[in-house]
């Protein structure tokens, strides 16, 4: 029979991994020396890793995160009709 201490280790590691990945997403931004394909691949990898531990990122959150990661050089001025 496995003790309670040993049964918590995988869950604790998963929670640590989730925290690390969520923190990376919070501070995620496009580096000037990386092209858009590299940037999107890095983002997709974080999302895939979260999904692999049972914490998939909702689509709306993905859109907000990827757009805010681009920085001001990708912003457009709203056009008035």
N, C-alpha and C. Protein backbone atom coordinates (compact mmCIF):
# COMPACT_ATOMS: atom_id res chain seq x y z
N UNK A 1 0.84 -1.18 0.00
CA UNK A 1 0.00 0.00 0.00
C UNK A 1 0.89 1.25 0.00
N UNK A 2 0.53 2.21 -0.84
CA UNK A 2 1.30 3.44 -0.97
C UNK A 2 0.90 4.44 0.12
N UNK A 3 1.90 5.06 0.73
CA UNK A 3 1.57 6.04 1.77
C UNK A 3 1.02 7.30 1.13
N UNK A 4 0.35 8.11 1.94
CA UNK A 4 -0.23 9.36 1.43
C UNK A 4 0.84 10.30 0.90
N UNK A 5 1.98 10.33 1.55
CA UNK A 5 3.07 11.21 1.13
C UNK A 5 3.48 10.90 -0.31
N UNK A 6 3.62 9.62 -0.64
CA UNK A 6 4.04 9.23 -1.99
C UNK A 6 2.95 9.45 -3.02
N UNK A 7 1.69 9.36 -2.64
CA UNK A 7 0.61 9.54 -3.59
C UNK A 7 0.44 11.01 -3.99
N UNK A 8 0.97 11.95 -3.20
CA UNK A 8 0.85 13.37 -3.49
C UNK A 8 1.94 13.87 -4.43
N UNK A 9 3.01 13.16 -4.56
CA UNK A 9 4.14 13.64 -5.35
C UNK A 9 3.76 13.91 -6.81
N UNK A 10 3.13 13.00 -7.53
CA UNK A 10 2.78 13.32 -8.93
C UNK A 10 1.85 14.52 -9.03
N UNK A 11 0.88 14.63 -8.14
CA UNK A 11 -0.05 15.76 -8.19
C UNK A 11 0.69 17.07 -7.91
N UNK A 12 1.59 17.04 -6.96
CA UNK A 12 2.37 18.24 -6.63
C UNK A 12 3.23 18.65 -7.82
N UNK A 13 3.86 17.70 -8.48
CA UNK A 13 4.69 18.00 -9.65
C UNK A 13 3.84 18.58 -10.78
N UNK A 14 2.63 18.04 -10.95
CA UNK A 14 1.72 18.55 -11.98
C UNK A 14 1.31 19.99 -11.66
N UNK A 15 1.04 20.26 -10.40
CA UNK A 15 0.68 21.62 -10.00
C UNK A 15 1.85 22.58 -10.20
N UNK A 16 3.05 22.13 -9.91
CA UNK A 16 4.23 22.96 -10.12
C UNK A 16 4.42 23.25 -11.61
N UNK A 17 4.23 22.23 -12.43
CA UNK A 17 4.35 22.39 -13.88
C UNK A 17 3.30 23.36 -14.40
N UNK A 18 2.07 23.23 -13.92
CA UNK A 18 1.01 24.14 -14.34
C UNK A 18 1.36 25.58 -13.95
N UNK A 19 1.81 25.77 -12.72
CA UNK A 19 2.17 27.11 -12.26
C UNK A 19 3.27 27.70 -13.13
N UNK A 20 4.29 26.91 -13.43
CA UNK A 20 5.40 27.39 -14.26
C UNK A 20 4.92 27.77 -15.65
N UNK A 21 4.10 26.93 -16.26
CA UNK A 21 3.60 27.21 -17.61
C UNK A 21 2.68 28.43 -17.61
N UNK A 22 1.81 28.54 -16.62
CA UNK A 22 0.91 29.71 -16.54
C UNK A 22 1.72 31.00 -16.35
N UNK A 23 2.78 30.91 -15.56
CA UNK A 23 3.64 32.08 -15.36
C UNK A 23 4.33 32.45 -16.67
N UNK A 24 4.80 31.46 -17.41
CA UNK A 24 5.43 31.72 -18.71
C UNK A 24 4.44 32.39 -19.66
N UNK A 25 3.20 31.94 -19.64
CA UNK A 25 2.19 32.55 -20.51
C UNK A 25 1.91 34.00 -20.10
N UNK A 26 1.93 34.27 -18.80
CA UNK A 26 1.68 35.62 -18.31
C UNK A 26 2.72 36.61 -18.83
N UNK A 27 3.97 36.18 -18.87
CA UNK A 27 5.06 37.06 -19.28
C UNK A 27 5.51 36.83 -20.73
N UNK A 28 4.73 36.06 -21.47
CA UNK A 28 5.07 35.71 -22.85
C UNK A 28 5.00 36.93 -23.76
N UNK A 29 6.05 37.15 -24.53
CA UNK A 29 6.06 38.24 -25.51
C UNK A 29 6.97 37.86 -26.68
N UNK A 30 6.74 38.51 -27.78
CA UNK A 30 7.52 38.21 -28.99
C UNK A 30 8.87 38.92 -28.91
N UNK A 31 9.91 38.14 -29.05
CA UNK A 31 11.26 38.70 -29.09
C UNK A 31 11.53 39.22 -30.49
N UNK A 32 12.18 40.36 -30.57
CA UNK A 32 12.44 40.98 -31.88
C UNK A 32 13.27 40.10 -32.80
N UNK A 33 14.13 39.27 -32.24
CA UNK A 33 14.99 38.42 -33.07
C UNK A 33 14.31 37.12 -33.51
N UNK A 34 13.05 36.92 -33.12
CA UNK A 34 12.31 35.71 -33.51
C UNK A 34 11.25 36.08 -34.55
N UNK A 35 11.07 35.18 -35.51
CA UNK A 35 10.01 35.44 -36.49
C UNK A 35 8.67 34.95 -35.95
N UNK A 36 7.62 35.26 -36.64
CA UNK A 36 6.27 34.95 -36.17
C UNK A 36 6.06 33.43 -36.02
N UNK A 37 6.60 32.63 -36.93
CA UNK A 37 6.46 31.17 -36.82
C UNK A 37 7.08 30.65 -35.52
N UNK A 38 8.26 31.15 -35.18
CA UNK A 38 8.92 30.72 -33.94
C UNK A 38 8.10 31.15 -32.72
N UNK A 39 7.57 32.35 -32.78
CA UNK A 39 6.76 32.88 -31.68
C UNK A 39 5.52 32.01 -31.47
N UNK A 40 4.82 31.72 -32.53
CA UNK A 40 3.60 30.91 -32.43
C UNK A 40 3.92 29.49 -31.99
N UNK A 41 5.03 28.93 -32.45
CA UNK A 41 5.43 27.58 -32.03
C UNK A 41 5.72 27.53 -30.53
N UNK A 42 6.37 28.56 -30.00
CA UNK A 42 6.63 28.64 -28.56
C UNK A 42 5.31 28.68 -27.79
N UNK A 43 4.38 29.49 -28.28
CA UNK A 43 3.08 29.61 -27.63
C UNK A 43 2.31 28.29 -27.69
N UNK A 44 2.30 27.66 -28.85
CA UNK A 44 1.60 26.38 -29.02
C UNK A 44 2.19 25.32 -28.10
N UNK A 45 3.49 25.33 -27.94
CA UNK A 45 4.15 24.37 -27.05
C UNK A 45 3.67 24.53 -25.61
N UNK A 46 3.56 25.78 -25.15
CA UNK A 46 3.06 26.01 -23.79
C UNK A 46 1.63 25.50 -23.65
N UNK A 47 0.80 25.80 -24.64
CA UNK A 47 -0.60 25.35 -24.60
C UNK A 47 -0.69 23.83 -24.64
N UNK A 48 0.13 23.20 -25.47
CA UNK A 48 0.14 21.74 -25.57
C UNK A 48 0.59 21.11 -24.25
N UNK A 49 1.60 21.71 -23.62
CA UNK A 49 2.09 21.19 -22.34
C UNK A 49 1.03 21.30 -21.25
N UNK A 50 0.28 22.40 -21.25
CA UNK A 50 -0.81 22.54 -20.28
C UNK A 50 -1.90 21.50 -20.54
N UNK A 51 -2.24 21.30 -21.80
CA UNK A 51 -3.26 20.30 -22.14
C UNK A 51 -2.81 18.90 -21.73
N UNK A 52 -1.52 18.62 -21.87
CA UNK A 52 -0.98 17.30 -21.53
C UNK A 52 -1.09 16.98 -20.04
N UNK A 53 -1.16 18.01 -19.21
CA UNK A 53 -1.32 17.75 -17.77
C UNK A 53 -2.76 17.99 -17.32
N UNK A 54 -3.67 18.03 -18.29
CA UNK A 54 -5.09 18.13 -17.97
C UNK A 54 -5.58 19.54 -17.70
N UNK A 55 -4.83 20.56 -18.17
CA UNK A 55 -5.21 21.95 -17.96
C UNK A 55 -5.24 22.70 -19.30
N UNK A 56 -6.13 22.31 -20.21
CA UNK A 56 -6.16 22.96 -21.52
C UNK A 56 -6.50 24.45 -21.41
N UNK A 57 -5.92 25.23 -22.31
CA UNK A 57 -6.15 26.67 -22.33
C UNK A 57 -7.37 26.94 -23.21
N UNK A 58 -8.38 27.63 -22.69
CA UNK A 58 -9.56 27.94 -23.51
C UNK A 58 -9.17 28.80 -24.72
N UNK A 59 -9.89 28.64 -25.82
CA UNK A 59 -9.58 29.37 -27.05
C UNK A 59 -9.54 30.88 -26.86
N UNK A 60 -10.51 31.42 -26.12
CA UNK A 60 -10.54 32.87 -25.89
C UNK A 60 -9.28 33.34 -25.18
N UNK A 61 -8.82 32.57 -24.22
CA UNK A 61 -7.59 32.92 -23.49
C UNK A 61 -6.38 32.85 -24.42
N UNK A 62 -6.37 31.89 -25.33
CA UNK A 62 -5.28 31.78 -26.31
C UNK A 62 -5.22 33.03 -27.19
N UNK A 63 -6.37 33.46 -27.66
CA UNK A 63 -6.43 34.63 -28.54
C UNK A 63 -5.91 35.87 -27.80
N UNK A 64 -6.40 36.08 -26.60
CA UNK A 64 -5.96 37.25 -25.82
C UNK A 64 -4.46 37.19 -25.57
N UNK A 65 -3.97 36.04 -25.16
CA UNK A 65 -2.56 35.89 -24.83
C UNK A 65 -1.67 36.12 -26.06
N UNK A 66 -2.01 35.52 -27.18
CA UNK A 66 -1.15 35.66 -28.36
C UNK A 66 -1.18 37.09 -28.88
N UNK A 67 -2.34 37.74 -28.85
CA UNK A 67 -2.42 39.12 -29.33
C UNK A 67 -1.67 40.08 -28.41
N UNK A 68 -1.81 39.91 -27.11
CA UNK A 68 -1.10 40.81 -26.20
C UNK A 68 0.40 40.54 -26.18
N UNK A 69 0.82 39.38 -26.61
CA UNK A 69 2.24 39.05 -26.62
C UNK A 69 3.00 39.73 -27.76
N UNK A 70 2.27 40.26 -28.72
CA UNK A 70 2.92 40.82 -29.91
C UNK A 70 3.54 42.19 -29.68
N UNK A 71 3.00 42.95 -28.79
CA UNK A 71 3.58 44.26 -28.50
C UNK A 71 3.02 45.36 -29.38
N UNK A 72 3.43 46.59 -29.10
CA UNK A 72 2.84 47.77 -29.76
C UNK A 72 3.13 47.86 -31.26
N UNK A 73 4.19 47.24 -31.73
CA UNK A 73 4.48 47.33 -33.16
C UNK A 73 3.44 46.62 -34.03
N UNK A 74 2.60 45.80 -33.40
CA UNK A 74 1.55 45.10 -34.14
C UNK A 74 0.17 45.71 -33.92
N UNK A 75 0.09 46.77 -33.13
CA UNK A 75 -1.19 47.42 -32.88
C UNK A 75 -1.62 48.22 -34.11
N UNK A 76 -2.91 48.31 -34.27
CA UNK A 76 -3.47 49.13 -35.35
C UNK A 76 -4.37 50.18 -34.72
N UNK A 77 -4.46 51.31 -35.38
CA UNK A 77 -5.35 52.36 -34.89
C UNK A 77 -6.76 52.03 -35.29
N UNK A 78 -7.71 52.19 -34.37
CA UNK A 78 -9.10 51.96 -34.74
C UNK A 78 -9.55 53.03 -35.74
N UNK A 79 -10.27 52.59 -36.75
CA UNK A 79 -10.76 53.52 -37.75
C UNK A 79 -12.19 53.89 -37.41
N UNK A 80 -12.47 55.15 -37.46
CA UNK A 80 -13.83 55.61 -37.21
C UNK A 80 -14.62 55.56 -38.50
N UNK A 81 -15.85 55.13 -38.40
CA UNK A 81 -16.71 55.04 -39.58
C UNK A 81 -17.35 56.37 -39.88
